[in-house]
């Protein structure tokens, strides 16, 4: 799993509603399902779109994703290592929750 050095703020969705995508472990699957739902239903998920289209630092379009809750917990539990690594590559040292 890669944390990008950029800090970007995007809204989750441009409309209200529940769509039933709830994989707790696999953010890649969730993001792909969100993108498919968006296409099929003509809706926008700006945060997921940004992640899915990310193409910097060796990441190809389609490889990026919003993390699932357990992936976020993994990043948070390792925040000191993640933050130190972000500083080494020139990123913001506080991208991960402290």
N, C-alpha and C. Protein backbone atom coordinates (compact mmCIF):
# COMPACT_ATOMS: atom_id res chain seq x y z
N UNK A 1 0.85 -1.17 0.00
CA UNK A 1 0.00 0.00 0.00
C UNK A 1 0.90 1.23 0.00
N UNK A 2 0.52 2.24 -0.79
CA UNK A 2 1.30 3.46 -0.91
C UNK A 2 0.45 4.63 -0.44
N UNK A 3 1.06 5.51 0.33
CA UNK A 3 0.42 6.77 0.71
C UNK A 3 1.08 7.84 -0.15
N UNK A 4 0.30 8.64 -0.86
CA UNK A 4 0.88 9.65 -1.72
C UNK A 4 1.43 10.82 -0.90
N UNK A 5 2.46 11.47 -1.42
CA UNK A 5 3.03 12.61 -0.68
C UNK A 5 2.19 13.88 -0.80
N UNK A 6 1.21 13.89 -1.69
CA UNK A 6 0.36 15.07 -1.85
C UNK A 6 -0.81 15.02 -0.88
N UNK A 7 -1.16 16.17 -0.36
CA UNK A 7 -2.36 16.25 0.47
C UNK A 7 -3.45 16.89 -0.39
N UNK A 8 -4.50 16.14 -0.65
CA UNK A 8 -5.57 16.58 -1.53
C UNK A 8 -6.89 16.45 -0.79
N UNK A 9 -7.74 17.44 -0.93
CA UNK A 9 -9.06 17.37 -0.32
C UNK A 9 -10.10 17.32 -1.43
N UNK A 10 -10.88 16.27 -1.44
CA UNK A 10 -11.96 16.08 -2.41
C UNK A 10 -13.21 15.64 -1.65
N UNK A 11 -14.35 16.08 -2.12
CA UNK A 11 -15.59 15.62 -1.49
C UNK A 11 -15.83 14.16 -1.86
N UNK A 12 -16.57 13.48 -1.02
CA UNK A 12 -16.85 12.06 -1.24
C UNK A 12 -17.79 11.88 -2.43
N UNK A 13 -18.91 12.60 -2.42
CA UNK A 13 -19.90 12.43 -3.48
C UNK A 13 -20.59 13.76 -3.74
N UNK A 14 -21.16 13.87 -4.94
CA UNK A 14 -21.87 15.10 -5.29
C UNK A 14 -23.37 14.96 -5.08
N UNK A 15 -23.79 13.89 -4.42
CA UNK A 15 -25.18 13.68 -4.08
C UNK A 15 -25.26 12.78 -2.87
N UNK A 16 -26.38 12.77 -2.19
CA UNK A 16 -26.57 11.92 -1.02
C UNK A 16 -27.04 10.55 -1.47
N UNK A 17 -26.83 9.57 -0.62
CA UNK A 17 -27.37 8.24 -0.90
C UNK A 17 -26.43 7.14 -0.44
N UNK A 18 -26.98 5.97 -0.29
CA UNK A 18 -26.23 4.78 0.10
C UNK A 18 -26.17 3.86 -1.11
N UNK A 19 -24.99 3.30 -1.38
CA UNK A 19 -24.89 2.42 -2.55
C UNK A 19 -24.46 1.00 -2.21
N UNK A 20 -24.14 0.73 -0.94
CA UNK A 20 -23.89 -0.64 -0.51
C UNK A 20 -22.51 -1.20 -0.82
N UNK A 21 -21.52 -0.35 -1.01
CA UNK A 21 -20.16 -0.82 -1.23
C UNK A 21 -19.46 -0.76 0.12
N UNK A 22 -19.19 -1.93 0.71
CA UNK A 22 -18.75 -1.94 2.11
C UNK A 22 -17.62 -2.93 2.40
N UNK A 23 -16.72 -3.17 1.47
CA UNK A 23 -15.61 -4.07 1.76
C UNK A 23 -14.72 -3.40 2.79
N UNK A 24 -14.59 -3.98 3.97
CA UNK A 24 -13.83 -3.37 5.05
C UNK A 24 -12.32 -3.51 4.89
N UNK A 25 -11.89 -4.46 4.05
CA UNK A 25 -10.47 -4.77 3.92
C UNK A 25 -9.82 -4.30 2.62
N UNK A 26 -10.59 -4.11 1.57
CA UNK A 26 -10.00 -3.91 0.25
C UNK A 26 -10.50 -2.62 -0.40
N UNK A 27 -9.75 -1.56 -0.21
CA UNK A 27 -10.10 -0.27 -0.78
C UNK A 27 -10.04 -0.26 -2.30
N UNK A 28 -9.16 -1.08 -2.87
CA UNK A 28 -9.07 -1.15 -4.33
C UNK A 28 -10.39 -1.64 -4.91
N UNK A 29 -10.93 -2.70 -4.35
CA UNK A 29 -12.21 -3.25 -4.81
C UNK A 29 -13.31 -2.21 -4.62
N UNK A 30 -13.34 -1.57 -3.45
CA UNK A 30 -14.36 -0.54 -3.20
C UNK A 30 -14.28 0.58 -4.23
N UNK A 31 -13.07 1.06 -4.51
CA UNK A 31 -12.90 2.15 -5.46
C UNK A 31 -13.34 1.74 -6.85
N UNK A 32 -12.98 0.54 -7.26
CA UNK A 32 -13.40 0.05 -8.58
C UNK A 32 -14.93 -0.06 -8.66
N UNK A 33 -15.55 -0.52 -7.59
CA UNK A 33 -17.01 -0.62 -7.58
C UNK A 33 -17.66 0.76 -7.59
N UNK A 34 -17.08 1.71 -6.87
CA UNK A 34 -17.58 3.09 -6.91
C UNK A 34 -17.50 3.67 -8.31
N UNK A 35 -16.38 3.44 -8.98
CA UNK A 35 -16.20 3.97 -10.33
C UNK A 35 -17.21 3.34 -11.30
N UNK A 36 -17.45 2.04 -11.16
CA UNK A 36 -18.42 1.37 -12.02
C UNK A 36 -19.83 1.89 -11.74
N UNK A 37 -20.17 2.05 -10.46
CA UNK A 37 -21.48 2.58 -10.08
C UNK A 37 -21.66 3.99 -10.64
N UNK A 38 -20.62 4.81 -10.52
CA UNK A 38 -20.68 6.18 -11.03
C UNK A 38 -20.96 6.20 -12.52
N UNK A 39 -20.27 5.35 -13.24
CA UNK A 39 -20.45 5.28 -14.70
C UNK A 39 -21.86 4.81 -15.06
N UNK A 40 -22.32 3.78 -14.39
CA UNK A 40 -23.64 3.21 -14.70
C UNK A 40 -24.79 4.13 -14.30
N UNK A 41 -24.56 4.99 -13.31
CA UNK A 41 -25.64 5.81 -12.78
C UNK A 41 -25.44 7.31 -12.99
N UNK A 42 -24.43 7.66 -13.77
CA UNK A 42 -24.14 9.05 -14.09
C UNK A 42 -24.05 9.93 -12.83
N UNK A 43 -23.24 9.46 -11.87
CA UNK A 43 -22.99 10.21 -10.65
C UNK A 43 -21.49 10.42 -10.50
N UNK A 44 -21.10 11.26 -9.56
CA UNK A 44 -19.68 11.58 -9.36
C UNK A 44 -19.25 11.28 -7.93
N UNK A 45 -18.08 10.69 -7.81
CA UNK A 45 -17.41 10.45 -6.54
C UNK A 45 -16.01 11.04 -6.66
N UNK A 46 -15.87 12.36 -6.45
CA UNK A 46 -14.60 13.04 -6.72
C UNK A 46 -13.37 12.45 -6.01
N UNK A 47 -13.50 12.04 -4.75
CA UNK A 47 -12.34 11.47 -4.04
C UNK A 47 -11.90 10.16 -4.68
N UNK A 48 -12.84 9.29 -4.98
CA UNK A 48 -12.52 8.01 -5.62
C UNK A 48 -11.97 8.23 -7.03
N UNK A 49 -12.53 9.17 -7.76
CA UNK A 49 -12.05 9.47 -9.11
C UNK A 49 -10.60 9.96 -9.07
N UNK A 50 -10.29 10.84 -8.12
CA UNK A 50 -8.92 11.34 -8.00
C UNK A 50 -7.95 10.18 -7.74
N UNK A 51 -8.32 9.31 -6.81
CA UNK A 51 -7.45 8.17 -6.49
C UNK A 51 -7.30 7.23 -7.68
N UNK A 52 -8.41 6.92 -8.33
CA UNK A 52 -8.37 5.98 -9.46
C UNK A 52 -7.58 6.54 -10.63
N UNK A 53 -7.56 7.86 -10.79
CA UNK A 53 -6.86 8.48 -11.91
C UNK A 53 -5.43 8.90 -11.57
N UNK A 54 -5.02 8.72 -10.33
CA UNK A 54 -3.69 9.13 -9.89
C UNK A 54 -2.62 8.44 -10.75
N UNK A 55 -1.67 9.23 -11.23
CA UNK A 55 -0.62 8.65 -12.08
C UNK A 55 0.70 9.39 -11.88
N UNK A 56 1.22 9.32 -10.67
CA UNK A 56 2.50 9.93 -10.34
C UNK A 56 3.28 8.96 -9.46
N UNK A 57 4.56 9.27 -9.31
CA UNK A 57 5.40 8.50 -8.38
C UNK A 57 5.37 7.00 -8.65
N UNK A 58 5.31 6.61 -9.93
CA UNK A 58 5.33 5.19 -10.30
C UNK A 58 3.98 4.50 -10.25
N UNK A 59 2.94 5.21 -9.87
CA UNK A 59 1.59 4.64 -9.83
C UNK A 59 0.92 4.91 -11.18
N UNK A 60 0.35 3.89 -11.76
CA UNK A 60 -0.32 4.02 -13.05
C UNK A 60 -1.81 4.28 -12.85
N UNK A 61 -2.46 4.98 -13.80
CA UNK A 61 -3.91 5.17 -13.69
C UNK A 61 -4.61 3.83 -13.50
N UNK A 62 -5.54 3.81 -12.57
CA UNK A 62 -6.27 2.57 -12.28
C UNK A 62 -5.69 1.78 -11.12
N UNK A 63 -4.49 2.14 -10.67
CA UNK A 63 -3.88 1.43 -9.53
C UNK A 63 -4.19 2.09 -8.20
N UNK A 64 -4.49 3.38 -8.20
CA UNK A 64 -4.76 4.11 -6.96
C UNK A 64 -6.16 3.81 -6.43
N UNK A 65 -6.33 3.97 -5.13
CA UNK A 65 -7.63 3.70 -4.53
C UNK A 65 -7.77 4.40 -3.19
N UNK A 66 -9.01 4.61 -2.79
CA UNK A 66 -9.32 5.06 -1.43
C UNK A 66 -9.15 3.87 -0.49
N UNK A 67 -8.50 4.04 0.63
CA UNK A 67 -8.33 2.89 1.52
C UNK A 67 -9.64 2.50 2.21
N UNK A 68 -9.79 1.20 2.41
CA UNK A 68 -10.91 0.69 3.21
C UNK A 68 -10.60 0.95 4.69
N UNK A 69 -11.57 0.80 5.54
CA UNK A 69 -11.41 1.15 6.95
C UNK A 69 -10.26 0.39 7.62
N UNK A 70 -10.08 -0.89 7.33
CA UNK A 70 -8.99 -1.62 7.96
C UNK A 70 -7.64 -1.19 7.41
N UNK A 71 -7.61 -0.74 6.17
CA UNK A 71 -6.37 -0.19 5.61
C UNK A 71 -6.04 1.15 6.27
N UNK A 72 -7.05 1.95 6.54
CA UNK A 72 -6.83 3.21 7.26
C UNK A 72 -6.30 2.90 8.66
N UNK A 73 -6.88 1.92 9.32
CA UNK A 73 -6.41 1.54 10.66
C UNK A 73 -4.94 1.11 10.62
N UNK A 74 -4.55 0.39 9.57
CA UNK A 74 -3.16 -0.03 9.42
C UNK A 74 -2.24 1.18 9.27
N UNK A 75 -2.65 2.16 8.47
CA UNK A 75 -1.86 3.38 8.31
C UNK A 75 -1.76 4.14 9.63
N UNK A 76 -2.89 4.25 10.32
CA UNK A 76 -2.91 4.99 11.58
C UNK A 76 -2.02 4.30 12.61
N UNK A 77 -2.10 2.98 12.69
CA UNK A 77 -1.29 2.26 13.69
C UNK A 77 0.20 2.34 13.37
N UNK A 78 0.54 2.66 12.13
CA UNK A 78 1.95 2.80 11.72
C UNK A 78 2.27 4.24 11.34
N UNK A 79 1.54 5.20 11.90
CA UNK A 79 1.67 6.59 11.46
C UNK A 79 3.07 7.16 11.62
N UNK A 80 3.81 6.75 12.62
CA UNK A 80 5.16 7.29 12.79
C UNK A 80 6.07 6.88 11.63
N UNK A 81 5.99 5.65 11.23
CA UNK A 81 6.79 5.15 10.10
C UNK A 81 6.32 5.82 8.80
N UNK A 82 5.02 5.88 8.62
CA UNK A 82 4.47 6.49 7.40
C UNK A 82 4.88 7.96 7.31
N UNK A 83 4.72 8.70 8.40
CA UNK A 83 5.07 10.13 8.38
C UNK A 83 6.55 10.34 8.14
N UNK A 84 7.42 9.54 8.76
CA UNK A 84 8.87 9.67 8.51
C UNK A 84 9.18 9.39 7.05
N UNK A 85 8.54 8.40 6.48
CA UNK A 85 8.76 8.06 5.07
C UNK A 85 8.31 9.19 4.16
N UNK A 86 7.18 9.81 4.48
CA UNK A 86 6.69 10.93 3.68
C UNK A 86 7.67 12.10 3.71
N UNK A 87 8.26 12.37 4.86
CA UNK A 87 9.24 13.45 4.97
C UNK A 87 10.45 13.15 4.08
N UNK A 88 10.91 11.90 4.08
CA UNK A 88 12.08 11.51 3.28
C UNK A 88 11.84 11.76 1.79
N UNK A 89 10.61 11.55 1.32
CA UNK A 89 10.33 11.75 -0.11
C UNK A 89 9.81 13.15 -0.42
N UNK A 90 9.86 14.03 0.57
CA UNK A 90 9.47 15.42 0.34
C UNK A 90 8.00 15.72 0.50
N UNK A 91 7.28 14.83 1.12
CA UNK A 91 5.84 15.04 1.33
C UNK A 91 5.55 15.72 2.65
N UNK A 92 4.29 15.95 2.91
CA UNK A 92 3.83 16.55 4.15
C UNK A 92 3.90 15.47 5.23
N UNK A 93 4.58 15.75 6.34
CA UNK A 93 4.77 14.74 7.37
C UNK A 93 3.53 14.46 8.19
N UNK A 94 2.45 15.16 7.95
CA UNK A 94 1.24 14.97 8.76
C UNK A 94 0.04 14.57 7.89
N UNK A 95 0.26 13.75 6.88
CA UNK A 95 -0.85 13.31 6.05
C UNK A 95 -1.66 12.21 6.72
N UNK A 96 -1.04 11.52 7.65
CA UNK A 96 -1.71 10.41 8.33
C UNK A 96 -2.14 10.88 9.70
N UNK A 97 -3.31 10.43 10.14
CA UNK A 97 -3.82 10.80 11.46
C UNK A 97 -2.82 10.48 12.55
N UNK A 98 -2.73 11.38 13.52
CA UNK A 98 -1.78 11.16 14.64
C UNK A 98 -2.51 10.68 15.86
